[in-house]
C-alpha atoms as a PDB file:
ATOM      1  CA  MET A   1      38.502-157.677  46.965  1.00  0.00           C
ATOM      2  CA  VAL A   2      41.414-157.236  49.430  1.00  0.00           C
ATOM      3  CA  LYS A   3      44.501-159.619  48.893  1.00  0.00           C
ATOM      4  CA  ASN A   4      46.426-162.019  51.067  1.00  0.00           C
ATOM      5  CA  LEU A   5      50.241-162.213  51.409  1.00  0.00           C
ATOM      6  CA  THR A   6      51.522-165.904  51.739  1.00  0.00           C
ATOM      7  CA  LEU A   7      55.288-166.454  52.841  1.00  0.00           C
ATOM      8  CA  THR A   8      57.067-169.671  51.871  1.00  0.00           C
ATOM      9  CA  GLY A   9      60.597-171.041  52.623  1.00  0.00           C
ATOM     10  CA  MET A  10      62.140-173.705  54.326  1.00  0.00           C
ATOM     11  CA  MET A  11      61.652-174.520  57.962  1.00  0.00           C
ATOM     12  CA  GLY A  12      63.274-171.936  60.377  1.00  0.00           C
ATOM     13  CA  VAL A  13      64.137-169.027  57.695  1.00  0.00           C
ATOM     14  CA  GLY A  14      61.772-166.750  59.729  1.00  0.00           C
ATOM     15  CA  LYS A  15      58.474-166.997  57.827  1.00  0.00           C
ATOM     16  CA  SER A  16      56.357-166.359  61.315  1.00  0.00           C
ATOM     17  CA  THR A  17      58.712-163.482  62.616  1.00  0.00           C
ATOM     18  CA  VAL A  18      58.545-161.621  59.336  1.00  0.00           C
ATOM     19  CA  GLY A  19      54.916-162.476  58.833  1.00  0.00           C
ATOM     20  CA  LYS A  20      54.221-161.115  62.383  1.00  0.00           C
ATOM     21  CA  ASN A  21      55.791-157.917  61.501  1.00  0.00           C
ATOM     22  CA  LEU A  22      54.379-157.696  58.082  1.00  0.00           C
ATOM     23  CA  ALA A  23      50.756-158.136  59.443  1.00  0.00           C
ATOM     24  CA  LYS A  24      51.259-155.589  62.080  1.00  0.00           C
ATOM     25  CA  LYS A  25      52.586-152.796  59.453  1.00  0.00           C
ATOM     26  CA  LEU A  26      49.653-153.778  57.097  1.00  0.00           C
ATOM     27  CA  ASN A  27      47.083-153.902  59.718  1.00  0.00           C
ATOM     28  CA  TYR A  28      46.419-157.743  58.534  1.00  0.00           C
ATOM     29  CA  LYS A  29      45.620-160.544  60.556  1.00  0.00           C
ATOM     30  CA  PHE A  30      48.565-163.224  60.783  1.00  0.00           C
ATOM     31  CA  VAL A  31      48.163-166.983  60.752  1.00  0.00           C
ATOM     32  CA  ASP A  32      50.824-169.634  60.875  1.00  0.00           C
ATOM     33  CA  VAL A  33      49.534-172.711  59.066  1.00  0.00           C
ATOM     34  CA  ASP A  34      51.998-175.169  60.998  1.00  0.00           C
ATOM     35  CA  LYS A  35      50.693-173.807  64.434  1.00  0.00           C
ATOM     36  CA  LEU A  36      46.964-174.132  63.280  1.00  0.00           C
ATOM     37  CA  ILE A  37      47.748-177.577  62.546  1.00  0.00           C
ATOM     38  CA  GLU A  38      49.052-178.517  65.714  1.00  0.00           C
ATOM     39  CA  THR A  39      46.070-176.718  67.133  1.00  0.00           C
ATOM     40  CA  LYS A  40      43.737-178.794  65.312  1.00  0.00           C
ATOM     41  CA  GLU A  41      45.339-182.155  65.798  1.00  0.00           C
ATOM     42  CA  GLY A  42      46.390-181.362  69.622  1.00  0.00           C
ATOM     43  CA  SER A  43      49.784-182.482  68.633  1.00  0.00           C
ATOM     44  CA  SER A  44      53.229-181.243  67.545  1.00  0.00           C
ATOM     45  CA  ILE A  45      54.266-181.684  63.825  1.00  0.00           C
ATOM     46  CA  ASN A  46      56.933-184.085  64.860  1.00  0.00           C
ATOM     47  CA  LEU A  47      54.244-186.255  66.570  1.00  0.00           C
ATOM     48  CA  ILE A  48      51.798-186.158  63.689  1.00  0.00           C
ATOM     49  CA  PHE A  49      54.576-187.362  61.151  1.00  0.00           C
ATOM     50  CA  LYS A  50      55.572-190.097  63.806  1.00  0.00           C
ATOM     51  CA  ASN A  51      51.893-191.080  64.717  1.00  0.00           C
ATOM     52  CA  LYS A  52      49.950-190.786  61.732  1.00  0.00           C
ATOM     53  CA  SER A  53      52.245-190.288  58.855  1.00  0.00           C
ATOM     54  CA  GLU A  54      53.564-187.576  56.523  1.00  0.00           C
ATOM     55  CA  SER A  55      50.875-188.240  54.007  1.00  0.00           C
ATOM     56  CA  TYR A  56      48.158-187.516  56.496  1.00  0.00           C
ATOM     57  CA  PHE A  57      49.933-184.430  57.397  1.00  0.00           C
ATOM     58  CA  ARG A  58      50.235-183.316  53.947  1.00  0.00           C
ATOM     59  CA  ARG A  59      46.560-183.683  53.633  1.00  0.00           C
ATOM     60  CA  ILE A  60      45.527-181.755  56.605  1.00  0.00           C
ATOM     61  CA  GLU A  61      48.136-178.857  55.634  1.00  0.00           C
ATOM     62  CA  SER A  62      46.565-178.773  52.273  1.00  0.00           C
ATOM     63  CA  GLU A  63      43.091-178.623  53.626  1.00  0.00           C
ATOM     64  CA  ILE A  64      43.890-175.602  56.323  1.00  0.00           C
ATOM     65  CA  THR A  65      46.017-173.647  53.821  1.00  0.00           C
ATOM     66  CA  LEU A  66      43.063-173.931  51.257  1.00  0.00           C
ATOM     67  CA  SER A  67      40.738-172.641  53.929  1.00  0.00           C
ATOM     68  CA  GLU A  68      43.167-170.011  54.884  1.00  0.00           C
ATOM     69  CA  LEU A  69      43.645-168.662  51.325  1.00  0.00           C
ATOM     70  CA  LYS A  70      39.994-167.780  51.294  1.00  0.00           C
ATOM     71  CA  SER A  71      40.679-165.226  54.169  1.00  0.00           C
ATOM     72  CA  GLU A  72      41.278-161.315  53.387  1.00  0.00           C
ATOM     73  CA  LYS A  73      43.945-158.966  54.649  1.00  0.00           C
ATOM     74  CA  THR A  74      45.842-162.038  56.134  1.00  0.00           C
ATOM     75  CA  VAL A  75      49.559-162.508  56.245  1.00  0.00           C
ATOM     76  CA  ILE A  76      49.707-166.408  55.872  1.00  0.00           C
ATOM     77  CA  SER A  77      53.044-168.222  56.896  1.00  0.00           C
ATOM     78  CA  LEU A  78      52.966-171.543  54.837  1.00  0.00           C
ATOM     79  CA  GLY A  79      54.367-174.814  56.043  1.00  0.00           C
ATOM     80  CA  GLY A  80      57.967-175.457  55.064  1.00  0.00           C
ATOM     81  CA  GLY A  81      56.722-178.446  52.668  1.00  0.00           C
ATOM     82  CA  ALA A  82      53.693-176.785  51.200  1.00  0.00           C
ATOM     83  CA  PHE A  83      55.393-176.437  47.778  1.00  0.00           C
ATOM     84  CA  PHE A  84      56.913-180.030  47.852  1.00  0.00           C
ATOM     85  CA  LYS A  85      53.900-182.111  47.440  1.00  0.00           C
END
């Protein structure tokens, strides 16, 4: 079984920038959970919080994160609040 690499940290610390570089060096796929959420919802995270609530966002964040963790050979940039539930 090939493992994934997950990156976590507060918003704006460089998870996506570092993650893209790591993925390239390791020949892994890169995913940013926040970007996946925005694509799925068709809205920015700020608007999701405003229009649907933080609890809604956290539920979607959990679902997408758990789904992505099933991948292999992937660098996954977790959302800034992924561990603060």
